[in-house]
Amino acid sequence: MLLAAGIYPRFIESLADLSGLRFRKQSFFVLGLVGIAAAAAILLGAGPVKDAVVEHRWAMYSLFIGLTLGGVPVLWQMARPATNGFWSGMAVGLVLMAALAWLQLEGASSGVNREGVVMMFVAGVAGASAMILPGVSGGYLLLVMGVYVPVLSAVDALKEAMGSGELASASEPVMGVVLPVGVGVGVGILLISNMIKIVLERYEQPTLGVLMGLLVGAVFGLWPFQDGVAPKVGEIFKGQILTNERLAELTPDKFPTQFYTPDFNGVMMALGLVGVGYMVTTLVARVGGAKPERPHT
């Protein structure tokens, strides 16, 4: 969306200024506006988006596909005229996303445990890194890693605790999820904001090709026709045998997922939501007057 809105170059330069200890008023202004808007969106949308993903996974994934693919034309304009290096890089990006999608499928269907401070820190680094890369969705990587819903749940719990004034009730999600993800985000931003400037300067076409492959390949892991299925007593769930007591404590957002075969109407509705998501990103690009420019190096 930053790319589509036409402010990506200023955003990446502002991050590089800050990480390089170059404190410019314009950089603080850009990062401040983006940061405030992002924080507001996360706090206000975490709960509703989490519930929508859990209860209407096919619809939300279809919308995510459209929002993601809407960045393809903007990134393509940056890459033209494409060279062999671009296409080779794109093939690498596609393979990487296919591998991530396979890992997501294996983990989601088995109910593997993806919680823990280290995992959340890694998720923060990955999400922030993807946010900085033009056209790549940090939210998608969180989905692939299986931590998207847990992160939204923790943010929503923190928001509710702040609203009720009982911050102590949010200590577990804050210390176990919000804090390590936040630290990971900071580390990811500081590292990638400078690295992206270097690789775009030295290996522009292959880098843009990899980004395009990541963007197009995101569809692999967002196949919409999957749903959460409650595990059964006696199954291995997150490394432990599931008992009646543990099953009663499980909420739908922790269920493993499995694919299903949609009917014709389901396919048509999913395609319609893909189109809606694509048009939203395209509209942002038009309103923002985005131009296919690269970050200055």
Protein backbone atom coordinates (compact mmCIF):
# COMPACT_ATOMS: atom_id res chain seq x y z
CA MET A 1 0.00 0.00 0.00
CA LEU A 2 2.92 2.35 0.66
CA LEU A 3 4.13 1.60 -2.85
CA ALA A 4 0.68 2.07 -4.34
CA ALA A 5 0.16 5.34 -2.47
CA GLY A 6 3.37 6.73 -3.93
CA ILE A 7 5.19 7.33 -0.64
CA TYR A 8 7.38 4.22 -0.56
CA PRO A 9 10.61 6.01 -1.65
CA ARG A 10 10.19 8.67 1.05
CA PHE A 11 9.33 6.00 3.62
CA ILE A 12 12.41 3.86 2.93
CA GLU A 13 14.68 6.94 2.88
CA SER A 14 13.24 8.09 6.21
CA LEU A 15 13.90 4.67 7.75
CA ALA A 16 17.46 4.72 6.42
CA ASP A 17 17.97 8.22 7.86
CA LEU A 18 16.78 7.15 11.28
CA SER A 19 18.80 3.94 11.37
CA GLY A 20 21.84 5.91 10.19
CA LEU A 21 21.34 8.45 13.01
CA ARG A 22 20.52 11.20 10.53
CA PHE A 23 17.71 13.06 12.30
CA ARG A 24 15.83 15.11 9.72
CA LYS A 25 12.51 16.80 10.34
CA GLN A 26 11.02 15.46 7.11
CA SER A 27 12.00 11.90 8.01
CA PHE A 28 10.39 12.17 11.45
CA PHE A 29 7.28 13.65 9.84
CA VAL A 30 6.90 10.80 7.33
CA LEU A 31 7.59 8.04 9.86
CA GLY A 32 5.36 9.70 12.43
CA LEU A 33 2.36 9.86 10.12
CA VAL A 34 2.81 6.30 8.87
CA GLY A 35 3.45 5.01 12.39
CA ILE A 36 0.39 6.70 13.92
CA ALA A 37 -1.86 5.49 11.11
CA ALA A 38 -0.46 1.95 11.38
CA ALA A 39 -0.87 1.86 15.17
CA ALA A 40 -4.45 3.08 14.92
CA ALA A 41 -5.29 0.50 12.26
CA ILE A 42 -3.73 -2.32 14.28
CA LEU A 43 -5.44 -1.42 17.56
CA LEU A 44 -8.84 -0.79 16.00
CA GLY A 45 -8.77 -3.62 13.48
CA ALA A 46 -7.01 -6.45 15.31
CA GLY A 47 -10.15 -7.88 16.90
CA PRO A 48 -12.54 -7.62 13.93
CA VAL A 49 -9.94 -8.87 11.45
CA LYS A 50 -9.02 -11.82 13.67
CA ASP A 51 -12.66 -12.81 14.04
CA ALA A 52 -13.25 -12.43 10.29
CA VAL A 53 -10.25 -14.63 9.44
CA VAL A 54 -11.33 -17.34 11.89
CA GLU A 55 -15.04 -17.32 11.02
CA HIS A 56 -14.89 -16.45 7.30
CA ARG A 57 -11.45 -17.64 6.26
CA TRP A 58 -12.32 -18.19 2.59
CA ALA A 59 -13.67 -14.65 2.22
CA MET A 60 -10.75 -12.95 3.96
CA TYR A 61 -8.13 -14.99 2.10
CA SER A 62 -9.82 -14.14 -1.20
CA LEU A 63 -9.73 -10.47 -0.30
CA PHE A 64 -6.07 -10.77 0.74
CA ILE A 65 -5.23 -12.33 -2.64
CA GLY A 66 -6.76 -9.38 -4.47
CA LEU A 67 -5.06 -6.82 -2.24
CA THR A 68 -1.73 -8.56 -2.78
CA LEU A 69 -2.01 -8.96 -6.56
CA GLY A 70 -3.01 -5.30 -6.85
CA GLY A 71 0.64 -4.44 -6.26
CA VAL A 72 1.82 -6.36 -9.36
CA PRO A 73 1.24 -3.53 -11.90
CA VAL A 74 3.05 -0.99 -9.71
CA LEU A 75 6.05 -3.26 -9.19
CA TRP A 76 6.10 -4.14 -12.89
CA GLN A 77 6.37 -0.46 -13.78
CA MET A 78 9.42 -0.24 -11.55
CA ALA A 79 11.05 -3.20 -13.32
CA ARG A 80 10.43 -2.29 -16.97
CA PRO A 81 12.18 -3.05 -19.23
CA ALA A 82 12.69 -6.45 -17.63
CA THR A 83 15.96 -8.30 -18.23
CA ASN A 84 16.94 -11.96 -17.88
CA GLY A 85 18.07 -11.15 -14.37
CA PHE A 86 14.55 -10.04 -13.52
CA TRP A 87 12.96 -13.29 -14.75
CA SER A 88 15.58 -15.40 -12.98
CA GLY A 89 14.96 -13.51 -9.76
CA MET A 90 11.21 -13.94 -10.20
CA ALA A 91 11.65 -17.72 -10.52
CA VAL A 92 13.61 -17.75 -7.26
CA GLY A 93 10.88 -15.74 -5.52
CA LEU A 94 8.17 -18.09 -6.77
CA VAL A 95 10.06 -21.15 -5.52
CA LEU A 96 10.55 -19.55 -2.11
CA MET A 97 6.86 -18.74 -1.76
CA ALA A 98 5.86 -22.22 -2.91
CA ALA A 99 8.14 -23.67 -0.20
CA LEU A 100 6.65 -21.35 2.43
CA ALA A 101 3.14 -22.33 1.36
CA TRP A 102 4.05 -26.01 1.72
CA LEU A 103 5.45 -25.40 5.20
CA GLN A 104 2.30 -23.49 6.10
CA LEU A 105 0.14 -26.40 4.92
CA GLU A 106 2.15 -28.95 6.88
CA GLY A 107 2.09 -26.89 10.08
CA ALA A 108 -1.54 -25.79 9.86
CA SER A 109 -2.87 -29.29 9.26
CA SER A 110 -0.82 -30.87 12.04
CA GLY A 111 -1.51 -28.34 14.78
CA VAL A 112 2.22 -27.87 15.39
CA ASN A 113 3.11 -25.49 18.20
CA ARG A 114 4.17 -22.13 16.79
CA GLU A 115 4.06 -20.15 19.98
CA GLY A 116 6.93 -18.93 22.12
CA VAL A 117 9.00 -15.77 22.54
CA VAL A 118 11.63 -16.78 19.97
CA MET A 119 9.00 -17.60 17.35
CA MET A 120 7.24 -14.29 17.94
CA PHE A 121 10.53 -12.39 17.65
CA VAL A 122 11.29 -14.12 14.34
CA ALA A 123 7.74 -13.31 13.19
CA GLY A 124 8.30 -9.65 14.02
CA VAL A 125 11.55 -9.55 12.04
CA ALA A 126 9.93 -11.30 9.07
CA GLY A 127 6.83 -9.12 9.13
CA ALA A 128 8.80 -5.88 9.33
CA SER A 129 11.19 -6.99 6.61
CA ALA A 130 8.32 -7.82 4.29
CA MET A 131 6.65 -4.50 5.08
CA ILE A 132 9.71 -2.66 3.82
CA LEU A 133 10.03 -4.71 0.63
CA PRO A 134 7.88 -3.13 -2.11
CA GLY A 135 4.81 -5.21 -2.89
CA VAL A 136 5.39 -7.91 -0.28
CA SER A 137 2.89 -8.32 2.56
CA GLY A 138 4.11 -8.65 6.13
CA GLY A 139 0.67 -9.92 7.09
CA TYR A 140 1.03 -12.71 4.53
CA LEU A 141 4.30 -13.90 6.04
CA LEU A 142 2.64 -13.96 9.46
CA LEU A 143 -0.12 -16.09 7.95
CA VAL A 144 2.43 -18.47 6.45
CA MET A 145 4.26 -18.74 9.77
CA GLY A 146 0.99 -19.53 11.52
CA VAL A 147 1.16 -16.59 13.93
CA TYR A 148 -1.18 -14.10 12.25
CA VAL A 149 -4.22 -14.88 14.42
CA PRO A 150 -2.21 -15.22 17.69
CA VAL A 151 -0.62 -11.80 17.10
CA LEU A 152 -3.99 -10.19 16.39
CA SER A 153 -5.47 -11.90 19.45
CA ALA A 154 -2.69 -10.54 21.68
CA VAL A 155 -3.10 -7.00 20.33
CA ASP A 156 -6.85 -7.22 20.81
CA ALA A 157 -6.36 -8.42 24.42
CA LEU A 158 -4.02 -5.49 25.06
CA LYS A 159 -6.55 -3.05 23.64
CA GLU A 160 -9.33 -4.44 25.84
CA ALA A 161 -7.08 -4.31 28.92
CA MET A 162 -6.20 -0.68 28.20
CA GLY A 163 -9.88 0.15 27.77
CA SER A 164 -10.85 -1.47 31.08
CA GLY A 165 -7.84 -0.14 32.96
CA GLU A 166 -6.80 -3.67 33.99
CA LEU A 167 -3.40 -3.85 32.33
CA ALA A 168 -2.33 -6.74 34.57
CA SER A 169 -4.76 -9.01 32.73
CA ALA A 170 -2.81 -8.47 29.52
CA SER A 171 0.61 -9.33 30.98
CA GLU A 172 0.77 -12.77 29.33
CA PRO A 173 -0.08 -11.66 25.74
CA VAL A 174 2.13 -8.57 26.13
CA MET A 175 5.21 -10.41 27.39
CA GLY A 176 4.69 -13.52 25.27
CA VAL A 177 3.59 -11.94 21.99
CA VAL A 178 3.36 -8.15 21.72
CA LEU A 179 6.78 -7.35 23.19
CA PRO A 180 8.87 -9.93 21.28
CA VAL A 181 7.03 -9.11 18.03
CA GLY A 182 7.64 -5.40 18.64
CA VAL A 183 11.35 -5.93 19.25
CA GLY A 184 11.52 -8.10 16.13
CA VAL A 185 9.80 -5.39 14.11
CA GLY A 186 12.39 -2.84 15.25
CA VAL A 187 15.30 -5.14 14.38
CA GLY A 188 13.79 -6.01 11.00
CA ILE A 189 13.23 -2.37 10.08
CA LEU A 190 16.75 -1.30 11.02
CA LEU A 191 18.39 -4.15 9.09
CA ILE A 192 16.28 -4.31 5.95
CA SER A 193 15.78 -0.56 5.38
CA ASN A 194 19.51 -0.20 4.70
CA MET A 195 19.98 -3.53 2.95
CA ILE A 196 17.19 -2.85 0.44
CA LYS A 197 18.94 0.36 -0.65
CA ILE A 198 22.17 -1.54 -1.26
CA VAL A 199 20.75 -4.46 -3.23
CA LEU A 200 18.52 -2.23 -5.35
CA GLU A 201 21.57 -0.16 -6.26
CA ARG A 202 23.87 -3.08 -7.08
CA TYR A 203 21.45 -5.78 -8.27
CA GLU A 204 18.35 -3.88 -9.29
CA GLN A 205 16.76 -6.22 -11.84
CA PRO A 206 17.32 -9.52 -9.96
CA THR A 207 16.09 -7.88 -6.74
CA LEU A 208 12.92 -6.57 -8.37
CA GLY A 209 12.43 -10.01 -9.94
CA VAL A 210 12.64 -11.74 -6.55
CA LEU A 211 10.14 -9.24 -5.16
CA MET A 212 7.77 -9.92 -8.04
CA GLY A 213 8.09 -13.66 -7.46
CA LEU A 214 7.33 -13.21 -3.77
CA LEU A 215 4.32 -11.08 -4.61
CA VAL A 216 2.80 -13.38 -7.23
CA GLY A 217 3.73 -16.48 -5.24
CA ALA A 218 1.83 -15.15 -2.21
CA VAL A 219 -1.28 -16.65 -3.81
CA PHE A 220 0.08 -20.15 -3.10
CA GLY A 221 -0.32 -19.77 0.64
CA LEU A 222 -3.60 -17.87 0.50
CA TRP A 223 -5.69 -20.59 -1.13
CA PRO A 224 -9.07 -19.53 0.25
CA PHE A 225 -10.90 -22.85 0.44
CA GLN A 226 -9.68 -24.04 3.81
CA ASP A 227 -11.28 -23.98 7.22
CA GLY A 228 -10.48 -24.65 10.84
CA VAL A 229 -11.36 -28.14 12.07
CA ALA A 230 -11.55 -29.06 15.75
CA PRO A 231 -8.97 -31.73 16.67
CA LYS A 232 -10.10 -34.93 18.36
CA VAL A 233 -9.32 -36.33 21.78
CA GLY A 234 -6.24 -38.53 21.66
CA GLU A 235 -4.60 -36.69 18.75
CA ILE A 236 -1.20 -35.04 19.06
CA PHE A 237 -1.84 -31.31 19.16
CA LYS A 238 1.07 -28.87 19.57
CA GLY A 239 3.31 -31.64 20.78
CA GLN A 240 0.94 -33.04 23.40
CA ILE A 241 -1.82 -35.65 23.49
CA LEU A 242 -5.16 -33.88 23.43
CA THR A 243 -7.40 -34.58 26.41
CA ASN A 244 -11.04 -33.69 26.98
CA GLU A 245 -9.97 -30.87 29.29
CA ARG A 246 -7.57 -29.36 26.76
CA LEU A 247 -10.10 -29.72 23.95
CA ALA A 248 -12.70 -27.83 25.98
CA GLU A 249 -10.22 -24.98 26.44
CA LEU A 250 -9.42 -24.67 22.74
CA THR A 251 -10.96 -21.76 20.84
CA PRO A 252 -11.63 -21.82 17.07
CA ASP A 253 -8.65 -19.54 16.35
CA LYS A 254 -6.33 -22.36 17.50
CA PHE A 255 -7.87 -25.12 15.38
CA PRO A 256 -5.71 -26.70 12.63
CA THR A 257 -6.96 -26.08 9.09
CA GLN A 258 -7.72 -28.33 6.16
CA PHE A 259 -8.69 -27.78 2.53
CA TYR A 260 -12.15 -28.46 1.17
CA THR A 261 -13.72 -28.54 -2.30
CA PRO A 262 -15.92 -25.49 -2.94
CA ASP A 263 -19.11 -25.45 -4.98
CA PHE A 264 -19.63 -23.22 -8.01
CA ASN A 265 -21.17 -20.39 -6.00
CA GLY A 266 -18.28 -20.47 -3.57
CA VAL A 267 -15.76 -20.15 -6.39
CA MET A 268 -17.65 -17.23 -7.94
CA MET A 269 -17.92 -15.38 -4.63
CA ALA A 270 -14.22 -15.91 -3.95
CA LEU A 271 -13.29 -14.56 -7.39
CA GLY A 272 -15.53 -11.57 -6.75
CA LEU A 273 -13.72 -10.78 -3.51
CA VAL A 274 -10.35 -11.18 -5.26
CA GLY A 275 -11.56 -8.56 -7.72
CA VAL A 276 -12.66 -6.26 -4.89
CA GLY A 277 -9.26 -6.50 -3.22
CA TYR A 278 -7.47 -5.85 -6.50
CA MET A 279 -9.59 -2.77 -7.16
CA VAL A 280 -8.92 -1.41 -3.67
CA THR A 281 -5.15 -1.50 -4.21
CA THR A 282 -5.56 -0.05 -7.71
CA LEU A 283 -7.73 2.75 -6.34
CA VAL A 284 -5.12 3.57 -3.70
CA ALA A 285 -2.50 3.78 -6.45
CA ARG A 286 -4.65 6.15 -8.50
CA VAL A 287 -5.64 8.37 -5.60
CA GLY A 288 -2.06 8.48 -4.33
CA GLY A 289 -0.76 9.20 -7.81
CA ALA A 290 1.91 6.56 -7.42
CA LYS A 291 4.78 6.75 -9.88
CA PRO A 292 7.10 3.86 -10.60
CA GLU A 293 10.21 5.27 -8.91
CA ARG A 294 12.86 3.58 -6.85
CA PRO A 295 14.33 4.62 -3.52
CA HIS A 296 17.24 6.99 -3.98
CA THR A 297 20.61 5.47 -3.23
